[in-house]
Amino acid sequence: MESDSSIARPAAAGIPRHLAIIMDGNGRWAERRRRPRMVGHRAGARAVNVCIDFCLEREIQALTLFAFSSENWGRPEEEVGALMKLFLNALEREVEELHRRGVRIRFIGERERFSDTIRQRMDHAEAVTASNDRLHLGIAASYGGRWDIAQAARSLAADVAAGRLMPDDIDEAAIASRMALADLPPPDLFIRTGGDLRISNFLLWQLAYTELWFTETLWPELDAATLQSALDDFASRQRRFGLTGAQAAAFIDETTE
């Protein structure tokens, strides 16, 4: 059902191995307080720490956060510039503490669109934390699900053109192996804050059988109780992966023996 991954230990009952989150609502949080949108983004950065703490405490093994989409480059230049400054400050401030706590940091997306300074900080964060395995923290920045699929297709096409791969060898597993986060299992649970009911071009390939959970809570208001509500709901669901309920239960019994 799931691809091979760098996550080796089994998850506790009712606990997702991989949690994916769209962090939505920063701007609206600020607007409701008649404050500039960047005040909301700074408050949202603090909520990221709440989420990381929660995952470490619950032994969730992978967390992927949608920080900045491919489409976000089209926002007002002033806001994009302020977001880049906030992103750079977070990289400078948080990496050593995350490393101390055993968190591995990885960035996915079109890294080339960032400044040289930010790319250097990204590279540094990944290098410093590369051997950690307590929590795999993926940060989707300048990322889009369609871009992810397209870059996987380009990679396979290059191998075909070079004679390293036959077209008939391209199947779902081959495509999955070239996707971002290919070494992790697909997300078990997707959370979106802010009230919108869509996935907004996030991990389109990887979310095929992910359980979806939406909340009206704005991202800066996120707390452990909200995250626990999502986990409680997740634990109550039966994941069938296209099978009948009985087949899915039998499959789960086989894999946990």
C-alpha atoms as a PDB file:
ATOM      1  CA  MET A   1       0.000   0.000   0.000  1.00  0.00           C
ATOM      2  CA  GLU A   2       2.828   2.429   0.804  1.00  0.00           C
ATOM      3  CA  SER A   3       6.260   3.041  -0.630  1.00  0.00           C
ATOM      4  CA  ASP A   4       9.530   2.178   1.063  1.00  0.00           C
ATOM      5  CA  SER A   5      10.697   4.993   3.294  1.00  0.00           C
ATOM      6  CA  SER A   6      13.382   6.172   5.662  1.00  0.00           C
ATOM      7  CA  ILE A   7      10.859   5.872   8.497  1.00  0.00           C
ATOM      8  CA  ALA A   8      11.475   2.478  10.025  1.00  0.00           C
ATOM      9  CA  ARG A   9       9.674   2.368  13.356  1.00  0.00           C
ATOM     10  CA  PRO A  10       5.929   1.589  13.402  1.00  0.00           C
ATOM     11  CA  ALA A  11       3.460   4.267  14.424  1.00  0.00           C
ATOM     12  CA  ALA A  12       1.407   3.953  17.604  1.00  0.00           C
ATOM     13  CA  ALA A  13      -2.261   3.070  17.134  1.00  0.00           C
ATOM     14  CA  GLY A  14      -4.247   6.055  15.925  1.00  0.00           C
ATOM     15  CA  ILE A  15      -1.125   8.174  15.369  1.00  0.00           C
ATOM     16  CA  PRO A  16      -0.256   9.209  11.793  1.00  0.00           C
ATOM     17  CA  ARG A  17       3.294   8.516  10.721  1.00  0.00           C
ATOM     18  CA  HIS A  18       3.253  11.507   8.382  1.00  0.00           C
ATOM     19  CA  LEU A  19       1.233  14.685   8.937  1.00  0.00           C
ATOM     20  CA  ALA A  20       0.841  17.333   6.202  1.00  0.00           C
ATOM     21  CA  ILE A  21      -0.510  20.804   6.969  1.00  0.00           C
ATOM     22  CA  ILE A  22      -1.583  23.885   5.029  1.00  0.00           C
ATOM     23  CA  MET A  23      -1.021  26.765   7.433  1.00  0.00           C
ATOM     24  CA  ASP A  24      -3.804  29.144   6.380  1.00  0.00           C
ATOM     25  CA  GLY A  25      -5.282  32.219   8.002  1.00  0.00           C
ATOM     26  CA  ASN A  26      -2.357  34.472   8.959  1.00  0.00           C
ATOM     27  CA  GLY A  27      -3.593  37.447   6.954  1.00  0.00           C
ATOM     28  CA  ARG A  28      -7.184  37.173   8.141  1.00  0.00           C
ATOM     29  CA  TRP A  29      -6.012  36.831  11.752  1.00  0.00           C
ATOM     30  CA  ALA A  30      -4.186  40.150  11.426  1.00  0.00           C
ATOM     31  CA  GLU A  31      -6.999  41.882   9.532  1.00  0.00           C
ATOM     32  CA  ARG A  32      -9.521  40.983  12.229  1.00  0.00           C
ATOM     33  CA  ARG A  33      -7.249  42.805  14.669  1.00  0.00           C
ATOM     34  CA  ARG A  34      -6.760  45.728  12.266  1.00  0.00           C
ATOM     35  CA  ARG A  35      -3.078  44.987  12.064  1.00  0.00           C
ATOM     36  CA  PRO A  36      -0.767  44.623   9.033  1.00  0.00           C
ATOM     37  CA  ARG A  37      -0.736  41.204   7.400  1.00  0.00           C
ATOM     38  CA  MET A  38       2.901  40.666   8.417  1.00  0.00           C
ATOM     39  CA  VAL A  39       1.848  40.708  12.066  1.00  0.00           C
ATOM     40  CA  GLY A  40      -0.230  37.643  11.228  1.00  0.00           C
ATOM     41  CA  HIS A  41       2.688  35.948   9.492  1.00  0.00           C
ATOM     42  CA  ARG A  42       4.894  36.508  12.534  1.00  0.00           C
ATOM     43  CA  ALA A  43       2.187  35.043  14.774  1.00  0.00           C
ATOM     44  CA  GLY A  44       1.930  32.119  12.366  1.00  0.00           C
ATOM     45  CA  ALA A  45       5.652  31.448  12.733  1.00  0.00           C
ATOM     46  CA  ARG A  46       5.094  30.925  16.451  1.00  0.00           C
ATOM     47  CA  ALA A  47       2.322  28.427  15.675  1.00  0.00           C
ATOM     48  CA  VAL A  48       4.854  26.343  13.739  1.00  0.00           C
ATOM     49  CA  ASN A  49       6.674  25.723  17.013  1.00  0.00           C
ATOM     50  CA  VAL A  50       3.422  24.580  18.616  1.00  0.00           C
ATOM     51  CA  CYS A  51       2.995  22.064  15.820  1.00  0.00           C
ATOM     52  CA  ILE A  52       6.570  20.779  16.029  1.00  0.00           C
ATOM     53  CA  ASP A  53       6.280  20.377  19.810  1.00  0.00           C
ATOM     54  CA  PHE A  54       3.045  18.434  19.354  1.00  0.00           C
ATOM     55  CA  CYS A  55       4.579  16.071  16.799  1.00  0.00           C
ATOM     56  CA  LEU A  56       7.608  15.394  18.979  1.00  0.00           C
ATOM     57  CA  GLU A  57       5.452  14.701  22.012  1.00  0.00           C
ATOM     58  CA  ARG A  58       3.138  12.344  20.078  1.00  0.00           C
ATOM     59  CA  GLU A  59       6.051  10.670  18.235  1.00  0.00           C
ATOM     60  CA  ILE A  60       4.683  11.604  14.837  1.00  0.00           C
ATOM     61  CA  GLN A  61       7.591  10.793  12.571  1.00  0.00           C
ATOM     62  CA  ALA A  62       7.177  13.210   9.649  1.00  0.00           C
ATOM     63  CA  LEU A  63       5.632  16.664   9.343  1.00  0.00           C
ATOM     64  CA  THR A  64       5.344  18.537   6.051  1.00  0.00           C
ATOM     65  CA  LEU A  65       4.280  22.180   6.173  1.00  0.00           C
ATOM     66  CA  PHE A  66       3.119  24.272   3.201  1.00  0.00           C
ATOM     67  CA  ALA A  67       5.048  27.478   3.878  1.00  0.00           C
ATOM     68  CA  PHE A  68       5.038  29.271   0.515  1.00  0.00           C
ATOM     69  CA  SER A  69       3.405  28.117  -2.718  1.00  0.00           C
ATOM     70  CA  SER A  70       4.520  28.649  -6.297  1.00  0.00           C
ATOM     71  CA  GLU A  71       1.530  30.968  -6.672  1.00  0.00           C
ATOM     72  CA  ASN A  72       2.492  33.069  -3.632  1.00  0.00           C
ATOM     73  CA  TRP A  73       5.199  34.778  -5.695  1.00  0.00           C
ATOM     74  CA  GLY A  74       2.318  36.703  -7.298  1.00  0.00           C
ATOM     75  CA  ARG A  75       1.410  38.455  -4.046  1.00  0.00           C
ATOM     76  CA  PRO A  76       2.271  42.158  -3.579  1.00  0.00           C
ATOM     77  CA  GLU A  77       6.036  42.693  -3.764  1.00  0.00           C
ATOM     78  CA  GLU A  78       6.151  44.252  -0.296  1.00  0.00           C
ATOM     79  CA  GLU A  79       4.480  41.223   1.286  1.00  0.00           C
ATOM     80  CA  VAL A  80       6.720  38.756  -0.555  1.00  0.00           C
ATOM     81  CA  GLY A  81       9.816  40.687   0.549  1.00  0.00           C
ATOM     82  CA  ALA A  82       8.656  40.703   4.154  1.00  0.00           C
ATOM     83  CA  LEU A  83       7.915  36.983   4.007  1.00  0.00           C
ATOM     84  CA  MET A  84      11.403  36.288   2.667  1.00  0.00           C
ATOM     85  CA  LYS A  85      12.911  38.279   5.545  1.00  0.00           C
ATOM     86  CA  LEU A  86      10.779  36.346   8.036  1.00  0.00           C
ATOM     87  CA  PHE A  87      11.829  33.071   6.399  1.00  0.00           C
ATOM     88  CA  LEU A  88      15.516  34.003   6.577  1.00  0.00           C
ATOM     89  CA  ASN A  89      15.244  35.056  10.218  1.00  0.00           C
ATOM     90  CA  ALA A  90      13.569  31.762  11.098  1.00  0.00           C
ATOM     91  CA  LEU A  91      16.348  29.820   9.384  1.00  0.00           C
ATOM     92  CA  GLU A  92      18.968  31.729  11.356  1.00  0.00           C
ATOM     93  CA  ARG A  93      17.121  31.469  14.671  1.00  0.00           C
ATOM     94  CA  GLU A  94      15.590  27.992  14.790  1.00  0.00           C
ATOM     95  CA  VAL A  95      17.958  25.538  13.104  1.00  0.00           C
ATOM     96  CA  GLU A  96      20.322  24.859  16.004  1.00  0.00           C
ATOM     97  CA  GLU A  97      17.453  24.254  18.437  1.00  0.00           C
ATOM     98  CA  LEU A  98      15.707  21.908  16.004  1.00  0.00           C
ATOM     99  CA  HIS A  99      18.980  20.070  15.500  1.00  0.00           C
ATOM    100  CA  ARG A 100      19.379  19.703  19.272  1.00  0.00           C
ATOM    101  CA  ARG A 101      15.918  18.148  19.430  1.00  0.00           C
ATOM    102  CA  GLY A 102      16.665  15.583  16.714  1.00  0.00           C
ATOM    103  CA  VAL A 103      14.663  17.195  13.892  1.00  0.00           C
ATOM    104  CA  ARG A 104      15.773  16.703  10.303  1.00  0.00           C
ATOM    105  CA  ILE A 105      14.961  19.695   8.065  1.00  0.00           C
ATOM    106  CA  ARG A 106      14.304  19.393   4.346  1.00  0.00           C
ATOM    107  CA  PHE A 107      13.023  21.908   1.797  1.00  0.00           C
ATOM    108  CA  ILE A 108      10.983  20.964  -1.255  1.00  0.00           C
ATOM    109  CA  GLY A 109      10.096  23.264  -4.112  1.00  0.00           C
ATOM    110  CA  GLU A 110      11.715  25.495  -6.745  1.00  0.00           C
ATOM    111  CA  ARG A 111      14.677  26.539  -4.648  1.00  0.00           C
ATOM    112  CA  GLU A 112      16.221  28.464  -7.566  1.00  0.00           C
ATOM    113  CA  ARG A 113      13.650  31.238  -7.145  1.00  0.00           C
ATOM    114  CA  PHE A 114      15.021  32.230  -3.744  1.00  0.00           C
ATOM    115  CA  SER A 115      17.938  34.580  -3.187  1.00  0.00           C
ATOM    116  CA  ASP A 116      21.465  33.196  -2.861  1.00  0.00           C
ATOM    117  CA  THR A 117      21.448  34.038   0.857  1.00  0.00           C
ATOM    118  CA  ILE A 118      18.272  32.081   1.542  1.00  0.00           C
ATOM    119  CA  ARG A 119      19.449  29.118  -0.554  1.00  0.00           C
ATOM    120  CA  GLN A 120      22.695  29.014   1.415  1.00  0.00           C
ATOM    121  CA  ARG A 121      20.733  28.972   4.666  1.00  0.00           C
ATOM    122  CA  MET A 122      18.539  26.184   3.341  1.00  0.00           C
ATOM    123  CA  ASP A 123      21.593  24.134   2.406  1.00  0.00           C
ATOM    124  CA  HIS A 124      23.129  24.765   5.825  1.00  0.00           C
ATOM    125  CA  ALA A 125      19.962  23.723   7.671  1.00  0.00           C
ATOM    126  CA  GLU A 126      19.711  20.497   5.676  1.00  0.00           C
ATOM    127  CA  ALA A 127      23.387  19.655   6.132  1.00  0.00           C
ATOM    128  CA  VAL A 128      23.431  20.297   9.886  1.00  0.00           C
ATOM    129  CA  THR A 129      20.322  18.178  10.554  1.00  0.00           C
ATOM    130  CA  ALA A 130      20.815  15.462   7.906  1.00  0.00           C
ATOM    131  CA  SER A 131      21.519  12.632  10.363  1.00  0.00           C
ATOM    132  CA  ASN A 132      18.558  13.360  12.666  1.00  0.00           C
ATOM    133  CA  ASP A 133      15.570  11.016  12.648  1.00  0.00           C
ATOM    134  CA  ARG A 134      13.320  11.926  15.568  1.00  0.00           C
ATOM    135  CA  LEU A 135      11.112  14.060  13.289  1.00  0.00           C
ATOM    136  CA  HIS A 136      11.428  14.580   9.532  1.00  0.00           C
ATOM    137  CA  LEU A 137      10.354  18.201   9.001  1.00  0.00           C
ATOM    138  CA  GLY A 138       9.573  19.015   5.372  1.00  0.00           C
ATOM    139  CA  ILE A 139       9.086  22.654   4.452  1.00  0.00           C
ATOM    140  CA  ALA A 140       7.335  23.182   1.112  1.00  0.00           C
ATOM    141  CA  ALA A 141       8.586  26.557  -0.116  1.00  0.00           C
ATOM    142  CA  SER A 142       8.046  27.838  -3.660  1.00  0.00           C
ATOM    143  CA  TYR A 143       6.288  24.506  -4.049  1.00  0.00           C
ATOM    144  CA  GLY A 144       3.381  23.305  -6.155  1.00  0.00           C
ATOM    145  CA  GLY A 145       1.986  19.814  -6.567  1.00  0.00           C
ATOM    146  CA  ARG A 146       1.826  20.174 -10.347  1.00  0.00           C
ATOM    147  CA  TRP A 147       5.459  21.326 -10.407  1.00  0.00           C
ATOM    148  CA  ASP A 148       6.369  18.259  -8.353  1.00  0.00           C
ATOM    149  CA  ILE A 149       4.737  15.904 -10.870  1.00  0.00           C
ATOM    150  CA  ALA A 150       6.265  17.775 -13.819  1.00  0.00           C
ATOM    151  CA  GLN A 151       9.790  17.589 -12.414  1.00  0.00           C
ATOM    152  CA  ALA A 152       9.362  13.849 -11.808  1.00  0.00           C
ATOM    153  CA  ALA A 153       8.237  13.431 -15.421  1.00  0.00           C
ATOM    154  CA  ARG A 154      11.230  15.446 -16.683  1.00  0.00           C
ATOM    155  CA  SER A 155      13.604  13.286 -14.673  1.00  0.00           C
ATOM    156  CA  LEU A 156      12.148  10.088 -16.135  1.00  0.00           C
ATOM    157  CA  ALA A 157      12.109  11.555 -19.635  1.00  0.00           C
ATOM    158  CA  ALA A 158      15.812  12.399 -19.344  1.00  0.00           C
ATOM    159  CA  ASP A 159      16.562   8.788 -18.415  1.00  0.00           C
ATOM    160  CA  VAL A 160      14.571   7.530 -21.398  1.00  0.00           C
ATOM    161  CA  ALA A 161      16.376   9.940 -23.742  1.00  0.00           C
ATOM    162  CA  ALA A 162      19.734   8.757 -22.390  1.00  0.00           C
ATOM    163  CA  GLY A 163      18.809   5.094 -22.835  1.00  0.00           C
ATOM    164  CA  ARG A 164      18.887   4.367 -19.102  1.00  0.00           C
ATOM    165  CA  LEU A 165      15.161   3.590 -18.956  1.00  0.00           C
ATOM    166  CA  MET A 166      12.592   2.108 -21.306  1.00  0.00           C
ATOM    167  CA  PRO A 167       9.229   3.874 -21.662  1.00  0.00           C
ATOM    168  CA  ASP A 168       7.438   0.671 -20.667  1.00  0.00           C
ATOM    169  CA  ASP A 169       9.304   0.775 -17.346  1.00  0.00           C
ATOM    170  CA  ILE A 170       7.514   3.964 -16.312  1.00  0.00           C
ATOM    171  CA  ASP A 171       4.760   3.050 -13.877  1.00  0.00           C
ATOM    172  CA  GLU A 172       3.330   4.545 -10.694  1.00  0.00           C
ATOM    173  CA  ALA A 173       6.274   3.311  -8.634  1.00  0.00           C
ATOM    174  CA  ALA A 174       8.768   4.893 -11.036  1.00  0.00           C
ATOM    175  CA  ILE A 175       6.990   8.240 -10.887  1.00  0.00           C
ATOM    176  CA  ALA A 176       6.666   8.066  -7.108  1.00  0.00           C
ATOM    177  CA  SER A 177      10.416   7.473  -6.807  1.00  0.00           C
ATOM    178  CA  ARG A 178      11.133  10.854  -8.445  1.00  0.00           C
ATOM    179  CA  MET A 179       8.644  12.891  -6.416  1.00  0.00           C
ATOM    180  CA  ALA A 180       9.623  15.183  -3.573  1.00  0.00           C
ATOM    181  CA  LEU A 181       9.721  13.270  -0.259  1.00  0.00           C
ATOM    182  CA  ALA A 182       9.974   9.979  -2.168  1.00  0.00           C
ATOM    183  CA  ASP A 183      11.772   8.359   0.775  1.00  0.00           C
ATOM    184  CA  LEU A 184       8.868   9.048   3.157  1.00  0.00           C
ATOM    185  CA  PRO A 185       5.487   7.334   3.326  1.00  0.00           C
ATOM    186  CA  PRO A 186       2.627   9.420   1.905  1.00  0.00           C
ATOM    187  CA  PRO A 187       0.877  11.609   4.485  1.00  0.00           C
ATOM    188  CA  ASP A 188      -1.637   9.735   6.596  1.00  0.00           C
ATOM    189  CA  LEU A 189      -3.417  12.890   7.701  1.00  0.00           C
ATOM    190  CA  PHE A 190      -3.794  16.290   6.039  1.00  0.00           C
ATOM    191  CA  ILE A 191      -4.885  19.323   8.065  1.00  0.00           C
ATOM    192  CA  ARG A 192      -5.881  22.721   6.717  1.00  0.00           C
ATOM    193  CA  THR A 193      -6.572  25.623   9.033  1.00  0.00           C
ATOM    194  CA  GLY A 194      -8.473  28.775   8.105  1.00  0.00           C
ATOM    195  CA  GLY A 195     -11.771  27.262   6.947  1.00  0.00           C
ATOM    196  CA  ASP A 196     -11.151  26.739   3.207  1.00  0.00           C
ATOM    197  CA  LEU A 197     -12.032  23.260   1.925  1.00  0.00           C
ATOM    198  CA  ARG A 198      -9.372  22.603  -0.722  1.00  0.00           C
ATOM    199  CA  ILE A 199      -5.821  21.296  -0.997  1.00  0.00           C
ATOM    200  CA  SER A 200      -4.494  24.212  -3.104  1.00  0.00           C
ATOM    201  CA  ASN A 201      -1.933  22.389  -5.265  1.00  0.00           C
ATOM    202  CA  PHE A 202      -0.201  20.815  -2.244  1.00  0.00           C
ATOM    203  CA  LEU A 203       1.282  17.296  -2.550  1.00  0.00           C
ATOM    204  CA  LEU A 204      -1.199  16.316  -5.275  1.00  0.00           C
ATOM    205  CA  TRP A 205       0.427  12.944  -5.943  1.00  0.00           C
ATOM    206  CA  GLN A 206       1.136  12.103  -2.312  1.00  0.00           C
ATOM    207  CA  LEU A 207      -2.363  12.905  -0.962  1.00  0.00           C
ATOM    208  CA  ALA A 208      -4.160  10.263  -3.065  1.00  0.00           C
ATOM    209  CA  TYR A 209      -5.309   8.234  -0.021  1.00  0.00           C
ATOM    210  CA  THR A 210      -4.649  10.714   2.756  1.00  0.00           C
ATOM    211  CA  GLU A 211      -7.368  11.450   5.309  1.00  0.00           C
ATOM    212  CA  LEU A 212      -8.414  15.116   5.107  1.00  0.00           C
ATOM    213  CA  TRP A 213      -9.346  17.289   8.101  1.00  0.00           C
ATOM    214  CA  PHE A 214     -10.384  20.949   7.957  1.00  0.00           C
ATOM    215  CA  THR A 215     -10.854  23.491  10.726  1.00  0.00           C
ATOM    216  CA  GLU A 216     -12.072  27.095  10.918  1.00  0.00           C
ATOM    217  CA  THR A 217      -9.232  27.826  13.344  1.00  0.00           C
ATOM    218  CA  LEU A 218      -6.844  30.384  11.894  1.00  0.00           C
ATOM    219  CA  TRP A 219      -3.214  29.260  11.854  1.00  0.00           C
ATOM    220  CA  PRO A 220      -1.925  31.722  14.496  1.00  0.00           C
ATOM    221  CA  GLU A 221      -4.609  30.397  16.878  1.00  0.00           C
ATOM    222  CA  LEU A 222      -3.444  26.791  16.528  1.00  0.00           C
ATOM    223  CA  ASP A 223      -3.005  24.941  19.798  1.00  0.00           C
ATOM    224  CA  ALA A 224      -2.405  21.391  20.939  1.00  0.00           C
ATOM    225  CA  ALA A 225      -6.133  20.870  21.577  1.00  0.00           C
ATOM    226  CA  THR A 226      -6.967  21.578  17.923  1.00  0.00           C
ATOM    227  CA  LEU A 227      -4.271  19.200  16.724  1.00  0.00           C
ATOM    228  CA  GLN A 228      -5.483  16.552  19.163  1.00  0.00           C
ATOM    229  CA  SER A 229      -9.023  16.906  17.784  1.00  0.00           C
ATOM    230  CA  ALA A 230      -7.644  16.130  14.340  1.00  0.00           C
ATOM    231  CA  LEU A 231      -5.813  13.062  15.649  1.00  0.00           C
ATOM    232  CA  ASP A 232      -8.887  11.842  17.524  1.00  0.00           C
ATOM    233  CA  ASP A 233     -10.934  12.097  14.342  1.00  0.00           C
ATOM    234  CA  PHE A 234      -8.196  10.349  12.369  1.00  0.00           C
ATOM    235  CA  ALA A 235      -8.110   7.491  14.896  1.00  0.00           C
ATOM    236  CA  SER A 236     -11.869   6.958  14.454  1.00  0.00           C
ATOM    237  CA  ARG A 237     -11.652   6.449  10.681  1.00  0.00           C
ATOM    238  CA  GLN A 238     -11.132   3.228   8.771  1.00  0.00           C
ATOM    239  CA  ARG A 239      -8.666   3.666   5.929  1.00  0.00           C
ATOM    240  CA  ARG A 240      -9.671   1.353   3.094  1.00  0.00           C
ATOM    241  CA  PHE A 241      -7.341   2.294   0.206  1.00  0.00           C
ATOM    242  CA  GLY A 242     -10.008   1.265  -2.311  1.00  0.00           C
ATOM    243  CA  LEU A 243     -10.729  -2.070  -0.600  1.00  0.00           C
ATOM    244  CA  THR A 244     -13.798  -3.169   1.316  1.00  0.00           C
ATOM    245  CA  GLY A 245     -13.840  -2.585   5.044  1.00  0.00           C
ATOM    246  CA  ALA A 246     -13.217  -6.278   5.738  1.00  0.00           C
ATOM    247  CA  GLN A 247     -10.309  -6.428   3.289  1.00  0.00           C
ATOM    248  CA  ALA A 248      -8.732  -3.324   4.758  1.00  0.00           C
ATOM    249  CA  ALA A 249      -9.018  -4.700   8.297  1.00  0.00           C
ATOM    250  CA  ALA A 250      -7.430  -7.967   7.211  1.00  0.00           C
ATOM    251  CA  PHE A 251      -4.598  -6.100   5.500  1.00  0.00           C
ATOM    252  CA  ILE A 252      -3.914  -4.034   8.615  1.00  0.00           C
ATOM    253  CA  ASP A 253      -3.878  -7.221  10.748  1.00  0.00           C
ATOM    254  CA  GLU A 254      -1.346  -8.803   8.394  1.00  0.00           C
ATOM    255  CA  THR A 255       0.972  -5.812   8.389  1.00  0.00           C
ATOM    256  CA  THR A 256       0.950  -5.423  12.179  1.00  0.00           C
ATOM    257  CA  GLU A 257       1.662  -9.064  13.033  1.00  0.00           C
END
